[in-house]
Each structure stands twice: as C-alpha cells, then as structure tokens.
Amino acid sequence: MLWLVNHALMVFWFVTKLSEAVIVIILLFVPLEIFLLVFLSDIFFRTILPKG
C-alpha cells in the first residue's frame, strides 16, 4: 500500500514538474514567435510590396 502511495506521489510530482516546464517553455517561446512573425512580415511586406 505504501509503495502505491509513493508511486502515485512520484507520478503526481513528475506531472507537476512537466506541466511547469511546459508553461515555462510556452512563456519563453511566445515572445520569440511574436518577434519572428513581426520580423518576417516586415521583410515580406518590404520585398513584396515596396513602399512608393
């Protein structure tokens, strides 16, 4: 019984750490993705639609 509780706690801890890591990765990647989108769209609009 104790082993089962211990195992459940380990799984719970692992899932919590994993979800925290996922949240951190998402938070780190969102600004990078926004920056890349802005950068690429800027290049796209400059090359495809040159301003008069």
PDB file of N, CA and C in Angstrom:
ATOM      1  N   MET A   1       0.844  -1.205   0.000  1.00  0.00           N
ATOM      2  CA  MET A   1       0.000   0.000   0.000  1.00  0.00           C
ATOM      3  C   MET A   1       0.876   1.251   0.000  1.00  0.00           C
ATOM      4  N   LEU A   2       1.919   1.224   0.844  1.00  0.00           N
ATOM      5  CA  LEU A   2       2.815   2.371   0.921  1.00  0.00           C
ATOM      6  C   LEU A   2       3.512   2.617  -0.413  1.00  0.00           C
ATOM      7  N   TRP A   3       3.893   1.515  -1.076  1.00  0.00           N
ATOM      8  CA  TRP A   3       4.550   1.637  -2.381  1.00  0.00           C
ATOM      9  C   TRP A   3       3.631   2.319  -3.389  1.00  0.00           C
ATOM     10  N   LEU A   4       2.354   1.953  -3.331  1.00  0.00           N
ATOM     11  CA  LEU A   4       1.365   2.525  -4.243  1.00  0.00           C
ATOM     12  C   LEU A   4       1.238   4.029  -4.024  1.00  0.00           C
ATOM     13  N   VAL A   5       1.160   4.448  -2.754  1.00  0.00           N
ATOM     14  CA  VAL A   5       1.062   5.872  -2.429  1.00  0.00           C
ATOM     15  C   VAL A   5       2.318   6.601  -2.897  1.00  0.00           C
ATOM     16  N   ASN A   6       3.470   5.991  -2.626  1.00  0.00           N
ATOM     17  CA  ASN A   6       4.737   6.580  -3.035  1.00  0.00           C
ATOM     18  C   ASN A   6       4.795   6.733  -4.550  1.00  0.00           C
ATOM     19  N   HIS A   7       4.367   5.707  -5.261  1.00  0.00           N
ATOM     20  CA  HIS A   7       4.354   5.725  -6.719  1.00  0.00           C
ATOM     21  C   HIS A   7       3.422   6.824  -7.234  1.00  0.00           C
ATOM     22  N   ALA A   8       2.250   6.937  -6.626  1.00  0.00           N
ATOM     23  CA  ALA A   8       1.291   7.965  -7.027  1.00  0.00           C
ATOM     24  C   ALA A   8       1.869   9.360  -6.797  1.00  0.00           C
ATOM     25  N   LEU A   9       2.553   9.542  -5.663  1.00  0.00           N
ATOM     26  CA  LEU A   9       3.172  10.835  -5.377  1.00  0.00           C
ATOM     27  C   LEU A   9       4.265  11.157  -6.383  1.00  0.00           C
ATOM     28  N   MET A  10       5.053  10.144  -6.769  1.00  0.00           N
ATOM     29  CA  MET A  10       6.108  10.350  -7.755  1.00  0.00           C
ATOM     30  C   MET A  10       5.525  10.751  -9.101  1.00  0.00           C
ATOM     31  N   VAL A  11       4.452  10.062  -9.496  1.00  0.00           N
ATOM     32  CA  VAL A  11       3.794  10.384 -10.763  1.00  0.00           C
ATOM     33  C   VAL A  11       3.224  11.799 -10.713  1.00  0.00           C
ATOM     34  N   PHE A  12       2.573  12.132  -9.602  1.00  0.00           N
ATOM     35  CA  PHE A  12       1.997  13.468  -9.429  1.00  0.00           C
ATOM     36  C   PHE A  12       3.083  14.535  -9.507  1.00  0.00           C
ATOM     37  N   TRP A  13       4.221  14.298  -8.826  1.00  0.00           N
ATOM     38  CA  TRP A  13       5.339  15.239  -8.831  1.00  0.00           C
ATOM     39  C   TRP A  13       5.878  15.410 -10.234  1.00  0.00           C
ATOM     40  N   PHE A  14       6.029  14.293 -10.952  1.00  0.00           N
ATOM     41  CA  PHE A  14       6.553  14.325 -12.315  1.00  0.00           C
ATOM     42  C   PHE A  14       5.635  15.129 -13.231  1.00  0.00           C
ATOM     43  N   VAL A  15       4.326  14.875 -13.113  1.00  0.00           N
ATOM     44  CA  VAL A  15       3.352  15.588 -13.950  1.00  0.00           C
ATOM     45  C   VAL A  15       3.371  17.082 -13.632  1.00  0.00           C
ATOM     46  N   THR A  16       3.466  17.420 -12.341  1.00  0.00           N
ATOM     47  CA  THR A  16       3.508  18.831 -11.952  1.00  0.00           C
ATOM     48  C   THR A  16       4.742  19.501 -12.525  1.00  0.00           C
ATOM     49  N   LYS A  17       5.897  18.843 -12.395  1.00  0.00           N
ATOM     50  CA  LYS A  17       7.134  19.403 -12.932  1.00  0.00           C
ATOM     51  C   LYS A  17       7.054  19.538 -14.443  1.00  0.00           C
ATOM     52  N   LEU A  18       6.467  18.544 -15.084  1.00  0.00           N
ATOM     53  CA  LEU A  18       6.343  18.548 -16.537  1.00  0.00           C
ATOM     54  C   LEU A  18       5.457  19.701 -16.994  1.00  0.00           C
ATOM     55  N   SER A  19       4.324  19.895 -16.313  1.00  0.00           N
ATOM     56  CA  SER A  19       3.425  20.978 -16.702  1.00  0.00           C
ATOM     57  C   SER A  19       4.072  22.335 -16.446  1.00  0.00           C
ATOM     58  N   GLU A  20       4.846  22.437 -15.355  1.00  0.00           N
ATOM     59  CA  GLU A  20       5.571  23.682 -15.096  1.00  0.00           C
ATOM     60  C   GLU A  20       6.568  23.953 -16.209  1.00  0.00           C
ATOM     61  N   ALA A  21       7.283  22.914 -16.623  1.00  0.00           N
ATOM     62  CA  ALA A  21       8.265  23.064 -17.698  1.00  0.00           C
ATOM     63  C   ALA A  21       7.583  23.484 -18.995  1.00  0.00           C
ATOM     64  N   VAL A  22       6.429  22.889 -19.278  1.00  0.00           N
ATOM     65  CA  VAL A  22       5.686  23.234 -20.492  1.00  0.00           C
ATOM     66  C   VAL A  22       5.249  24.695 -20.448  1.00  0.00           C
ATOM     67  N   ILE A  23       4.760  25.139 -19.289  1.00  0.00           N
ATOM     68  CA  ILE A  23       4.335  26.532 -19.135  1.00  0.00           C
ATOM     69  C   ILE A  23       5.513  27.475 -19.352  1.00  0.00           C
ATOM     70  N   VAL A  24       6.659  27.137 -18.760  1.00  0.00           N
ATOM     71  CA  VAL A  24       7.848  27.979 -18.916  1.00  0.00           C
ATOM     72  C   VAL A  24       8.283  28.036 -20.371  1.00  0.00           C
ATOM     73  N   ILE A  25       8.281  26.875 -21.045  1.00  0.00           N
ATOM     74  CA  ILE A  25       8.675  26.832 -22.459  1.00  0.00           C
ATOM     75  C   ILE A  25       7.727  27.671 -23.303  1.00  0.00           C
ATOM     76  N   ILE A  26       6.426  27.552 -23.048  1.00  0.00           N
ATOM     77  CA  ILE A  26       5.443  28.342 -23.797  1.00  0.00           C
ATOM     78  C   ILE A  26       5.676  29.831 -23.560  1.00  0.00           C
ATOM     79  N   LEU A  27       5.878  30.208 -22.289  1.00  0.00           N
ATOM     80  CA  LEU A  27       6.100  31.616 -21.969  1.00  0.00           C
ATOM     81  C   LEU A  27       7.376  32.139 -22.610  1.00  0.00           C
ATOM     82  N   LEU A  28       8.390  31.283 -22.726  1.00  0.00           N
ATOM     83  CA  LEU A  28       9.630  31.706 -23.367  1.00  0.00           C
ATOM     84  C   LEU A  28       9.464  31.818 -24.875  1.00  0.00           C
ATOM     85  N   PHE A  29       8.669  30.924 -25.469  1.00  0.00           N
ATOM     86  CA  PHE A  29       8.579  30.881 -26.918  1.00  0.00           C
ATOM     87  C   PHE A  29       7.585  31.875 -27.496  1.00  0.00           C
ATOM     88  N   VAL A  30       6.586  32.300 -26.713  1.00  0.00           N
ATOM     89  CA  VAL A  30       5.581  33.228 -27.244  1.00  0.00           C
ATOM     90  C   VAL A  30       6.206  34.549 -27.710  1.00  0.00           C
ATOM     91  N   PRO A  31       7.047  35.228 -26.895  1.00  0.00           N
ATOM     92  CA  PRO A  31       7.654  36.468 -27.383  1.00  0.00           C
ATOM     93  C   PRO A  31       8.546  36.233 -28.591  1.00  0.00           C
ATOM     94  N   LEU A  32       9.262  35.104 -28.616  1.00  0.00           N
ATOM     95  CA  LEU A  32      10.126  34.780 -29.743  1.00  0.00           C
ATOM     96  C   LEU A  32       9.309  34.597 -31.013  1.00  0.00           C
ATOM     97  N   GLU A  33       8.182  33.900 -30.898  1.00  0.00           N
ATOM     98  CA  GLU A  33       7.319  33.696 -32.055  1.00  0.00           C
ATOM     99  C   GLU A  33       6.735  35.014 -32.540  1.00  0.00           C
ATOM    100  N   ILE A  34       6.303  35.870 -31.616  1.00  0.00           N
ATOM    101  CA  ILE A  34       5.762  37.176 -31.994  1.00  0.00           C
ATOM    102  C   ILE A  34       6.837  37.995 -32.707  1.00  0.00           C
ATOM    103  N   PHE A  35       8.062  37.987 -32.149  1.00  0.00           N
ATOM    104  CA  PHE A  35       9.169  38.716 -32.760  1.00  0.00           C
ATOM    105  C   PHE A  35       9.444  38.199 -34.166  1.00  0.00           C
ATOM    106  N   LEU A  36       9.473  36.868 -34.318  1.00  0.00           N
ATOM    107  CA  LEU A  36       9.732  36.278 -35.628  1.00  0.00           C
ATOM    108  C   LEU A  36       8.626  36.628 -36.616  1.00  0.00           C
ATOM    109  N   LEU A  37       7.377  36.574 -36.162  1.00  0.00           N
ATOM    110  CA  LEU A  37       6.259  36.913 -37.038  1.00  0.00           C
ATOM    111  C   LEU A  37       6.344  38.360 -37.503  1.00  0.00           C
ATOM    112  N   VAL A  38       6.622  39.266 -36.571  1.00  0.00           N
ATOM    113  CA  VAL A  38       6.739  40.686 -36.919  1.00  0.00           C
ATOM    114  C   VAL A  38       7.898  40.891 -37.886  1.00  0.00           C
ATOM    115  N   PHE A  39       9.029  40.265 -37.576  1.00  0.00           N
ATOM    116  CA  PHE A  39      10.230  40.395 -38.396  1.00  0.00           C
ATOM    117  C   PHE A  39       9.982  39.881 -39.810  1.00  0.00           C
ATOM    118  N   LEU A  40       9.396  38.672 -39.908  1.00  0.00           N
ATOM    119  CA  LEU A  40       9.162  38.061 -41.213  1.00  0.00           C
ATOM    120  C   LEU A  40       8.104  38.817 -42.007  1.00  0.00           C
ATOM    121  N   SER A  41       7.056  39.276 -41.341  1.00  0.00           N
ATOM    122  CA  SER A  41       6.024  40.022 -42.055  1.00  0.00           C
ATOM    123  C   SER A  41       6.578  41.364 -42.531  1.00  0.00           C
ATOM    124  N   ASP A  42       7.472  41.958 -41.745  1.00  0.00           N
ATOM    125  CA  ASP A  42       8.119  43.205 -42.145  1.00  0.00           C
ATOM    126  C   ASP A  42       8.939  42.988 -43.413  1.00  0.00           C
ATOM    127  N   ILE A  43       9.744  41.925 -43.428  1.00  0.00           N
ATOM    128  CA  ILE A  43      10.537  41.592 -44.616  1.00  0.00           C
ATOM    129  C   ILE A  43       9.610  41.295 -45.789  1.00  0.00           C
ATOM    130  N   PHE A  44       8.558  40.531 -45.522  1.00  0.00           N
ATOM    131  CA  PHE A  44       7.612  40.149 -46.572  1.00  0.00           C
ATOM    132  C   PHE A  44       6.987  41.385 -47.211  1.00  0.00           C
ATOM    133  N   PHE A  45       6.501  42.308 -46.373  1.00  0.00           N
ATOM    134  CA  PHE A  45       5.844  43.491 -46.908  1.00  0.00           C
ATOM    135  C   PHE A  45       6.830  44.419 -47.603  1.00  0.00           C
ATOM    136  N   ARG A  46       8.087  44.424 -47.166  1.00  0.00           N
ATOM    137  CA  ARG A  46       9.086  45.266 -47.823  1.00  0.00           C
ATOM    138  C   ARG A  46       9.477  44.715 -49.181  1.00  0.00           C
ATOM    139  N   THR A  47       9.574  43.387 -49.284  1.00  0.00           N
ATOM    140  CA  THR A  47      10.025  42.801 -50.541  1.00  0.00           C
ATOM    141  C   THR A  47       8.880  42.658 -51.534  1.00  0.00           C
ATOM    142  N   ILE A  48       7.707  42.254 -51.062  1.00  0.00           N
ATOM    143  CA  ILE A  48       6.582  42.024 -51.967  1.00  0.00           C
ATOM    144  C   ILE A  48       5.913  43.347 -52.333  1.00  0.00           C
ATOM    145  N   LEU A  49       5.702  44.200 -51.337  1.00  0.00           N
ATOM    146  CA  LEU A  49       5.039  45.482 -51.577  1.00  0.00           C
ATOM    147  C   LEU A  49       5.997  46.627 -51.238  1.00  0.00           C
ATOM    148  N   PRO A  50       6.873  46.971 -52.174  1.00  0.00           N
ATOM    149  CA  PRO A  50       7.781  48.089 -51.885  1.00  0.00           C
ATOM    150  C   PRO A  50       7.013  49.394 -51.739  1.00  0.00           C
ATOM    151  N   LYS A  51       7.352  50.129 -50.695  1.00  0.00           N
ATOM    152  CA  LYS A  51       6.657  51.399 -50.458  1.00  0.00           C
ATOM    153  C   LYS A  51       7.129  52.435 -51.481  1.00  0.00           C
ATOM    154  N   GLY A  52       6.144  53.093 -52.122  1.00  0.00           N
ATOM    155  CA  GLY A  52       6.383  54.038 -53.198  1.00  0.00           C
ATOM    156  C   GLY A  52       7.444  55.044 -52.880  1.00  0.00           C
TER     157      GLY A  52
END
